[in-house]
């Protein structure tokens, strides 16, 4: 979760442990993930840094690096 939205660096944020559903806008694939920490390098307030497993659930080719998403809290 981007650092601005996360609200604090580290696991103290109230968002930590919350689940979100993410959709890859290029292929329509979805995944449910759990927020674990903040992402100080995320580009904007809608960015989410994913684990390798979560990334590959949405886009199997890791070399893509980034792709457009939509997401919502569950």
N, C-alpha and C. Protein backbone atom coordinates (compact mmCIF):
# COMPACT_ATOMS: atom_id res chain seq x y z
N UNK A 1 0.86 -1.17 0.00
CA UNK A 1 0.00 0.00 0.00
C UNK A 1 0.91 1.23 0.00
N UNK A 2 0.57 2.21 -0.83
CA UNK A 2 1.41 3.40 -0.88
C UNK A 2 1.50 4.05 0.50
N UNK A 3 2.63 4.69 0.76
CA UNK A 3 2.92 5.22 2.10
C UNK A 3 1.95 6.33 2.50
N UNK A 4 1.51 7.15 1.57
CA UNK A 4 0.57 8.23 1.90
C UNK A 4 -0.75 7.65 2.40
N UNK A 5 -1.30 6.67 1.68
CA UNK A 5 -2.58 6.07 2.09
C UNK A 5 -2.40 5.21 3.35
N UNK A 6 -1.26 4.50 3.45
CA UNK A 6 -1.01 3.62 4.58
C UNK A 6 -0.98 4.40 5.89
N UNK A 7 -0.45 5.62 5.84
CA UNK A 7 -0.54 6.51 6.99
C UNK A 7 0.62 6.49 7.96
N UNK A 8 1.41 5.45 7.96
CA UNK A 8 2.55 5.37 8.85
C UNK A 8 3.49 4.31 8.33
N UNK A 9 4.74 4.43 8.62
CA UNK A 9 5.69 3.41 8.19
C UNK A 9 5.73 2.29 9.21
N UNK A 10 5.57 1.07 8.76
CA UNK A 10 5.61 -0.07 9.67
C UNK A 10 4.23 -0.67 9.87
N UNK A 11 4.14 -1.68 10.71
CA UNK A 11 2.90 -2.43 10.87
C UNK A 11 1.85 -1.77 11.76
N UNK A 12 2.06 -0.54 12.21
CA UNK A 12 1.13 0.10 13.14
C UNK A 12 -0.12 0.65 12.46
N UNK A 13 -0.14 0.73 11.15
CA UNK A 13 -1.29 1.29 10.45
C UNK A 13 -2.54 0.45 10.66
N UNK A 14 -3.68 1.10 10.71
CA UNK A 14 -4.96 0.38 10.82
C UNK A 14 -5.27 -0.39 9.54
N UNK A 15 -4.58 -0.10 8.44
CA UNK A 15 -4.79 -0.84 7.20
C UNK A 15 -4.07 -2.18 7.19
N UNK A 16 -3.09 -2.35 8.06
CA UNK A 16 -2.32 -3.58 8.11
C UNK A 16 -3.26 -4.75 8.44
N UNK A 17 -3.23 -5.79 7.61
CA UNK A 17 -4.10 -6.94 7.81
C UNK A 17 -5.41 -6.86 7.05
N UNK A 18 -5.73 -5.70 6.52
CA UNK A 18 -6.97 -5.54 5.76
C UNK A 18 -6.82 -6.16 4.38
N UNK A 19 -7.91 -6.70 3.84
CA UNK A 19 -7.86 -7.33 2.52
C UNK A 19 -8.38 -6.38 1.45
N UNK A 20 -7.79 -6.51 0.25
CA UNK A 20 -8.25 -5.77 -0.91
C UNK A 20 -8.37 -6.74 -2.09
N UNK A 21 -9.30 -6.44 -2.97
CA UNK A 21 -9.41 -7.19 -4.22
C UNK A 21 -8.80 -6.34 -5.31
N UNK A 22 -7.87 -6.92 -6.06
CA UNK A 22 -7.17 -6.22 -7.12
C UNK A 22 -7.55 -6.84 -8.46
N UNK A 23 -7.77 -6.00 -9.45
CA UNK A 23 -8.04 -6.45 -10.81
C UNK A 23 -6.96 -5.91 -11.74
N UNK A 24 -6.37 -6.79 -12.52
CA UNK A 24 -5.43 -6.39 -13.57
C UNK A 24 -6.28 -5.87 -14.73
N UNK A 25 -6.16 -4.60 -15.06
CA UNK A 25 -6.99 -4.00 -16.10
C UNK A 25 -6.60 -4.45 -17.50
N UNK A 26 -5.44 -5.07 -17.65
CA UNK A 26 -5.03 -5.57 -18.97
C UNK A 26 -5.68 -6.90 -19.33
N UNK A 27 -5.91 -7.76 -18.33
CA UNK A 27 -6.44 -9.09 -18.64
C UNK A 27 -7.69 -9.47 -17.84
N UNK A 28 -8.11 -8.65 -16.88
CA UNK A 28 -9.31 -8.92 -16.10
C UNK A 28 -9.12 -9.88 -14.95
N UNK A 29 -7.91 -10.40 -14.75
CA UNK A 29 -7.66 -11.33 -13.66
C UNK A 29 -7.77 -10.61 -12.32
N UNK A 30 -8.29 -11.31 -11.30
CA UNK A 30 -8.43 -10.71 -9.98
C UNK A 30 -7.71 -11.56 -8.93
N UNK A 31 -7.36 -10.91 -7.84
CA UNK A 31 -6.76 -11.59 -6.70
C UNK A 31 -7.14 -10.84 -5.43
N UNK A 32 -7.30 -11.58 -4.36
CA UNK A 32 -7.52 -10.98 -3.04
C UNK A 32 -6.20 -11.06 -2.29
N UNK A 33 -5.77 -9.91 -1.76
CA UNK A 33 -4.50 -9.84 -1.05
C UNK A 33 -4.70 -9.18 0.30
N UNK A 34 -3.76 -9.40 1.20
CA UNK A 34 -3.78 -8.80 2.53
C UNK A 34 -2.68 -7.75 2.62
N UNK A 35 -3.03 -6.56 3.08
CA UNK A 35 -2.05 -5.49 3.24
C UNK A 35 -1.11 -5.84 4.39
N UNK A 36 0.19 -5.79 4.10
CA UNK A 36 1.19 -6.17 5.10
C UNK A 36 2.02 -4.98 5.59
N UNK A 37 2.28 -4.03 4.70
CA UNK A 37 3.11 -2.89 5.09
C UNK A 37 2.98 -1.78 4.06
N UNK A 38 3.77 -0.74 4.25
CA UNK A 38 3.71 0.40 3.34
C UNK A 38 4.71 0.24 2.20
N UNK A 39 4.54 1.06 1.18
CA UNK A 39 5.41 1.04 0.01
C UNK A 39 5.90 2.46 -0.24
N UNK A 40 7.06 2.82 0.29
CA UNK A 40 7.55 4.19 0.12
C UNK A 40 7.92 4.53 -1.32
N UNK A 41 8.11 3.53 -2.18
CA UNK A 41 8.48 3.79 -3.57
C UNK A 41 7.30 3.73 -4.54
N UNK A 42 6.10 3.45 -4.04
CA UNK A 42 4.93 3.40 -4.93
C UNK A 42 4.70 4.77 -5.56
N UNK A 43 4.26 4.78 -6.82
CA UNK A 43 4.18 6.01 -7.60
C UNK A 43 3.04 6.94 -7.22
N UNK A 44 1.91 6.39 -6.78
CA UNK A 44 0.77 7.25 -6.45
C UNK A 44 -0.12 6.56 -5.42
N UNK A 45 -1.18 7.23 -5.03
CA UNK A 45 -2.03 6.72 -3.94
C UNK A 45 -2.87 5.52 -4.34
N UNK A 46 -2.81 5.10 -5.59
CA UNK A 46 -3.53 3.90 -6.01
C UNK A 46 -2.59 2.73 -6.27
N UNK A 47 -1.31 2.92 -6.01
CA UNK A 47 -0.32 1.87 -6.25
C UNK A 47 -0.28 0.88 -5.09
N UNK A 48 -0.03 -0.38 -5.43
CA UNK A 48 0.15 -1.43 -4.42
C UNK A 48 1.34 -2.27 -4.85
N UNK A 49 2.31 -2.44 -3.96
CA UNK A 49 3.46 -3.30 -4.22
C UNK A 49 3.06 -4.71 -3.82
N UNK A 50 3.20 -5.66 -4.73
CA UNK A 50 2.71 -7.02 -4.51
C UNK A 50 3.84 -8.00 -4.22
N UNK A 51 3.52 -9.03 -3.46
CA UNK A 51 4.44 -10.15 -3.31
C UNK A 51 4.55 -10.84 -4.67
N UNK A 52 5.56 -11.68 -4.84
CA UNK A 52 5.73 -12.40 -6.11
C UNK A 52 4.49 -13.25 -6.40
N UNK A 53 3.99 -13.94 -5.38
CA UNK A 53 2.82 -14.79 -5.57
C UNK A 53 1.58 -14.02 -5.99
N UNK A 54 1.35 -12.88 -5.34
CA UNK A 54 0.19 -12.06 -5.69
C UNK A 54 0.35 -11.47 -7.09
N UNK A 55 1.56 -11.03 -7.42
CA UNK A 55 1.83 -10.49 -8.75
C UNK A 55 1.51 -11.55 -9.81
N UNK A 56 2.02 -12.76 -9.61
CA UNK A 56 1.83 -13.81 -10.61
C UNK A 56 0.39 -14.31 -10.68
N UNK A 57 -0.40 -14.09 -9.63
CA UNK A 57 -1.82 -14.42 -9.70
C UNK A 57 -2.55 -13.46 -10.64
N UNK A 58 -1.98 -12.28 -10.83
CA UNK A 58 -2.58 -11.27 -11.70
C UNK A 58 -1.89 -11.17 -13.05
N UNK A 59 -0.61 -11.49 -13.10
CA UNK A 59 0.22 -11.36 -14.30
C UNK A 59 1.39 -12.33 -14.16
N UNK A 60 1.38 -13.46 -14.88
CA UNK A 60 2.41 -14.47 -14.67
C UNK A 60 3.82 -14.06 -15.08
N UNK A 61 3.96 -13.07 -15.93
CA UNK A 61 5.27 -12.65 -16.42
C UNK A 61 5.84 -11.54 -15.53
N UNK A 62 6.78 -11.90 -14.64
CA UNK A 62 7.36 -10.93 -13.71
C UNK A 62 8.12 -9.81 -14.42
N UNK A 63 8.60 -10.06 -15.63
CA UNK A 63 9.37 -9.03 -16.34
C UNK A 63 8.52 -7.83 -16.73
N UNK A 64 7.19 -7.97 -16.67
CA UNK A 64 6.30 -6.85 -16.96
C UNK A 64 6.54 -5.71 -15.97
N UNK A 65 6.79 -6.07 -14.72
CA UNK A 65 7.12 -5.07 -13.69
C UNK A 65 5.94 -4.33 -13.12
N UNK A 66 5.19 -3.65 -13.96
CA UNK A 66 4.01 -2.89 -13.52
C UNK A 66 2.89 -3.08 -14.54
N UNK A 67 1.66 -2.97 -14.05
CA UNK A 67 0.50 -3.01 -14.94
C UNK A 67 -0.63 -2.23 -14.28
N UNK A 68 -1.58 -1.73 -15.07
CA UNK A 68 -2.67 -0.95 -14.50
C UNK A 68 -3.63 -1.84 -13.70
N UNK A 69 -4.06 -1.32 -12.56
CA UNK A 69 -4.98 -2.07 -11.70
C UNK A 69 -6.14 -1.19 -11.25
N UNK A 70 -7.18 -1.85 -10.81
CA UNK A 70 -8.19 -1.21 -9.97
C UNK A 70 -8.24 -2.07 -8.72
N UNK A 71 -8.63 -1.47 -7.60
CA UNK A 71 -8.71 -2.24 -6.37
C UNK A 71 -9.74 -1.64 -5.44
N UNK A 72 -10.21 -2.47 -4.52
CA UNK A 72 -11.17 -2.00 -3.52
C UNK A 72 -10.98 -2.80 -2.24
N UNK A 73 -11.29 -2.16 -1.13
CA UNK A 73 -11.24 -2.84 0.16
C UNK A 73 -12.37 -3.86 0.25
N UNK A 74 -12.11 -4.97 0.91
CA UNK A 74 -13.15 -5.98 1.15
C UNK A 74 -13.66 -5.84 2.56
